[in-house]
Amino acid sequence: MRESNFIRTALSTVKEGRVSHFIETQSKVWNSGMKKTEKLLGGEFGSSIKDDKRFLVLTGWLSEEAHKDYIISSFSALKSQAKTELDLEGIIGEQFTIENSWRVVPLI
């Protein structure tokens, strides 16, 4: 994530009774599929300590264009395979370009 120039966030609220499936799908479908994307530089998956149905996914990309290429080439197939509509009550996504002057972690 240190070298990422573009970040995508997804804050998901999972339906009651679907949390286990959602977590399993993150590993088996999304992680596996996204590993094949060359310009994905890293990602993080976390859950809320206050609400066991809320999850945050952060992905770091080489560039905004790299993320757009992934959306065009892979996202729809992964979404279909994951059957996200069965798991999600709601999702909020944001994306932004990293401003180098804001970096806290030094690049190595």
C-alpha atoms as a PDB file:
ATOM      1  CA  MET A   1       0.000   0.000   0.000  1.00  0.00           C
ATOM      2  CA  ARG A   2       2.992   2.314   0.529  1.00  0.00           C
ATOM      3  CA  GLU A   3       3.582   2.641  -3.202  1.00  0.00           C
ATOM      4  CA  SER A   4      -0.081   3.029  -4.158  1.00  0.00           C
ATOM      5  CA  ASN A   5      -1.078   6.116  -6.061  1.00  0.00           C
ATOM      6  CA  PHE A   6      -4.817   5.429  -6.063  1.00  0.00           C
ATOM      7  CA  ILE A   7      -6.987   4.058  -3.236  1.00  0.00           C
ATOM      8  CA  ARG A   8     -10.411   2.461  -3.431  1.00  0.00           C
ATOM      9  CA  THR A   9     -12.491   1.974  -0.270  1.00  0.00           C
ATOM     10  CA  ALA A  10     -15.654  -0.053   0.230  1.00  0.00           C
ATOM     11  CA  LEU A  11     -17.637   0.072   3.459  1.00  0.00           C
ATOM     12  CA  SER A  12     -20.114  -2.810   3.474  1.00  0.00           C
ATOM     13  CA  THR A  13     -23.037  -3.666   5.700  1.00  0.00           C
ATOM     14  CA  VAL A  14     -23.770  -7.377   5.516  1.00  0.00           C
ATOM     15  CA  LYS A  15     -27.216  -8.939   5.870  1.00  0.00           C
ATOM     16  CA  GLU A  16     -28.094 -10.868   9.008  1.00  0.00           C
ATOM     17  CA  GLY A  17     -26.920 -14.473   8.715  1.00  0.00           C
ATOM     18  CA  ARG A  18     -24.606 -13.762   5.740  1.00  0.00           C
ATOM     19  CA  VAL A  19     -21.430 -12.674   7.546  1.00  0.00           C
ATOM     20  CA  SER A  20     -19.670 -16.056   7.303  1.00  0.00           C
ATOM     21  CA  HIS A  21     -20.406 -16.298   3.584  1.00  0.00           C
ATOM     22  CA  PHE A  22     -19.290 -12.704   3.023  1.00  0.00           C
ATOM     23  CA  ILE A  23     -15.942 -13.319   4.763  1.00  0.00           C
ATOM     24  CA  GLU A  24     -15.403 -16.613   2.903  1.00  0.00           C
ATOM     25  CA  THR A  25     -16.192 -14.914  -0.412  1.00  0.00           C
ATOM     26  CA  GLN A  26     -13.652 -12.173   0.304  1.00  0.00           C
ATOM     27  CA  SER A  27     -10.965 -14.821   0.563  1.00  0.00           C
ATOM     28  CA  LYS A  28     -11.987 -17.327  -2.086  1.00  0.00           C
ATOM     29  CA  VAL A  29     -13.393 -15.066  -4.798  1.00  0.00           C
ATOM     30  CA  TRP A  30     -12.212 -11.483  -4.397  1.00  0.00           C
ATOM     31  CA  ASN A  31      -8.689 -12.097  -3.057  1.00  0.00           C
ATOM     32  CA  SER A  32      -8.017 -14.895  -5.533  1.00  0.00           C
ATOM     33  CA  GLY A  33      -9.371 -12.915  -8.462  1.00  0.00           C
ATOM     34  CA  MET A  34      -7.671  -9.671  -7.561  1.00  0.00           C
ATOM     35  CA  LYS A  35      -4.273 -11.361  -7.136  1.00  0.00           C
ATOM     36  CA  LYS A  36      -4.325 -11.843 -10.916  1.00  0.00           C
ATOM     37  CA  THR A  37      -4.510  -8.072 -11.395  1.00  0.00           C
ATOM     38  CA  GLU A  38      -0.934  -6.928 -11.956  1.00  0.00           C
ATOM     39  CA  LYS A  39      -1.386  -3.301 -10.970  1.00  0.00           C
ATOM     40  CA  LEU A  40      -3.115  -3.960  -7.658  1.00  0.00           C
ATOM     41  CA  LEU A  41      -0.402  -3.185  -5.120  1.00  0.00           C
ATOM     42  CA  GLY A  42      -2.128  -4.309  -1.939  1.00  0.00           C
ATOM     43  CA  GLY A  43      -5.252  -4.423   0.122  1.00  0.00           C
ATOM     44  CA  GLU A  44      -6.668  -4.608   3.607  1.00  0.00           C
ATOM     45  CA  PHE A  45      -9.864  -6.181   4.934  1.00  0.00           C
ATOM     46  CA  GLY A  46     -11.223  -5.298   8.360  1.00  0.00           C
ATOM     47  CA  SER A  47     -14.338  -5.518  10.459  1.00  0.00           C
ATOM     48  CA  SER A  48     -15.925  -3.136  12.929  1.00  0.00           C
ATOM     49  CA  ILE A  49     -15.479  -3.857  16.623  1.00  0.00           C
ATOM     50  CA  LYS A  50     -18.830  -2.168  17.312  1.00  0.00           C
ATOM     51  CA  ASP A  51     -20.976  -3.742  14.574  1.00  0.00           C
ATOM     52  CA  ASP A  52     -20.225  -7.305  13.454  1.00  0.00           C
ATOM     53  CA  LYS A  53     -22.019  -6.721  10.138  1.00  0.00           C
ATOM     54  CA  ARG A  54     -19.780  -3.824   8.966  1.00  0.00           C
ATOM     55  CA  PHE A  55     -16.598  -4.353   6.972  1.00  0.00           C
ATOM     56  CA  LEU A  56     -14.050  -2.113   5.289  1.00  0.00           C
ATOM     57  CA  VAL A  57     -11.998  -3.062   2.246  1.00  0.00           C
ATOM     58  CA  LEU A  58      -9.131  -0.857   1.076  1.00  0.00           C
ATOM     59  CA  THR A  59      -7.236  -1.529  -2.126  1.00  0.00           C
ATOM     60  CA  GLY A  60      -4.169   0.288  -3.372  1.00  0.00           C
ATOM     61  CA  TRP A  61      -3.513   0.630  -7.086  1.00  0.00           C
ATOM     62  CA  LEU A  62      -0.633   1.760  -9.246  1.00  0.00           C
ATOM     63  CA  SER A  63      -2.904   4.420 -10.748  1.00  0.00           C
ATOM     64  CA  GLU A  64      -6.510   5.408 -11.356  1.00  0.00           C
ATOM     65  CA  GLU A  65      -6.162   3.988 -14.863  1.00  0.00           C
ATOM     66  CA  ALA A  66      -5.058   0.635 -13.412  1.00  0.00           C
ATOM     67  CA  HIS A  67      -8.213   0.543 -11.281  1.00  0.00           C
ATOM     68  CA  LYS A  68     -10.370   1.447 -14.298  1.00  0.00           C
ATOM     69  CA  ASP A  69      -8.756  -1.388 -16.291  1.00  0.00           C
ATOM     70  CA  TYR A  70      -9.616  -3.822 -13.482  1.00  0.00           C
ATOM     71  CA  ILE A  71     -13.236  -2.609 -13.436  1.00  0.00           C
ATOM     72  CA  ILE A  72     -13.508  -3.142 -17.201  1.00  0.00           C
ATOM     73  CA  SER A  73     -11.680  -6.471 -17.378  1.00  0.00           C
ATOM     74  CA  SER A  74     -12.419  -8.351 -14.142  1.00  0.00           C
ATOM     75  CA  PHE A  75     -14.860  -6.727 -11.725  1.00  0.00           C
ATOM     76  CA  SER A  76     -18.154  -7.867 -13.280  1.00  0.00           C
ATOM     77  CA  ALA A  77     -17.103 -11.511 -13.440  1.00  0.00           C
ATOM     78  CA  LEU A  78     -15.880 -11.478  -9.828  1.00  0.00           C
ATOM     79  CA  LYS A  79     -19.057  -9.748  -8.636  1.00  0.00           C
ATOM     80  CA  SER A  80     -21.180 -12.333 -10.424  1.00  0.00           C
ATOM     81  CA  GLN A  81     -19.155 -15.196  -8.958  1.00  0.00           C
ATOM     82  CA  ALA A  82     -19.311 -13.692  -5.449  1.00  0.00           C
ATOM     83  CA  LYS A  83     -23.081 -13.121  -5.666  1.00  0.00           C
ATOM     84  CA  THR A  84     -22.690  -9.950  -3.619  1.00  0.00           C
ATOM     85  CA  GLU A  85     -26.399  -9.134  -3.815  1.00  0.00           C
ATOM     86  CA  LEU A  86     -27.068 -12.107  -1.511  1.00  0.00           C
ATOM     87  CA  ASP A  87     -24.695 -10.808   1.178  1.00  0.00           C
ATOM     88  CA  LEU A  88     -24.918  -7.038   1.133  1.00  0.00           C
ATOM     89  CA  GLU A  89     -27.465  -4.844   2.811  1.00  0.00           C
ATOM     90  CA  GLY A  90     -25.542  -1.794   1.626  1.00  0.00           C
ATOM     91  CA  ILE A  91     -22.187  -0.618   0.339  1.00  0.00           C
ATOM     92  CA  ILE A  92     -20.547   2.794   0.167  1.00  0.00           C
ATOM     93  CA  GLY A  93     -17.448   3.226  -1.948  1.00  0.00           C
ATOM     94  CA  GLU A  94     -14.978   6.026  -2.364  1.00  0.00           C
ATOM     95  CA  GLN A  95     -11.818   6.418  -4.373  1.00  0.00           C
ATOM     96  CA  PHE A  96      -9.082   8.972  -4.454  1.00  0.00           C
ATOM     97  CA  THR A  97      -5.667   9.742  -5.826  1.00  0.00           C
ATOM     98  CA  ILE A  98      -2.863   9.907  -3.270  1.00  0.00           C
ATOM     99  CA  GLU A  99      -1.343  13.323  -2.747  1.00  0.00           C
ATOM    100  CA  ASN A 100       2.359  12.640  -2.180  1.00  0.00           C
ATOM    101  CA  SER A 101       2.715  15.511   0.278  1.00  0.00           C
ATOM    102  CA  TRP A 102       0.171  13.746   2.544  1.00  0.00           C
ATOM    103  CA  ARG A 103       2.123  10.504   2.865  1.00  0.00           C
ATOM    104  CA  VAL A 104       2.912   9.614   6.444  1.00  0.00           C
ATOM    105  CA  VAL A 105       4.818   6.404   5.772  1.00  0.00           C
ATOM    106  CA  PRO A 106       8.134   7.004   3.998  1.00  0.00           C
ATOM    107  CA  LEU A 107       8.573   5.281   0.644  1.00  0.00           C
ATOM    108  CA  ILE A 108      11.315   2.666   0.701  1.00  0.00           C
END
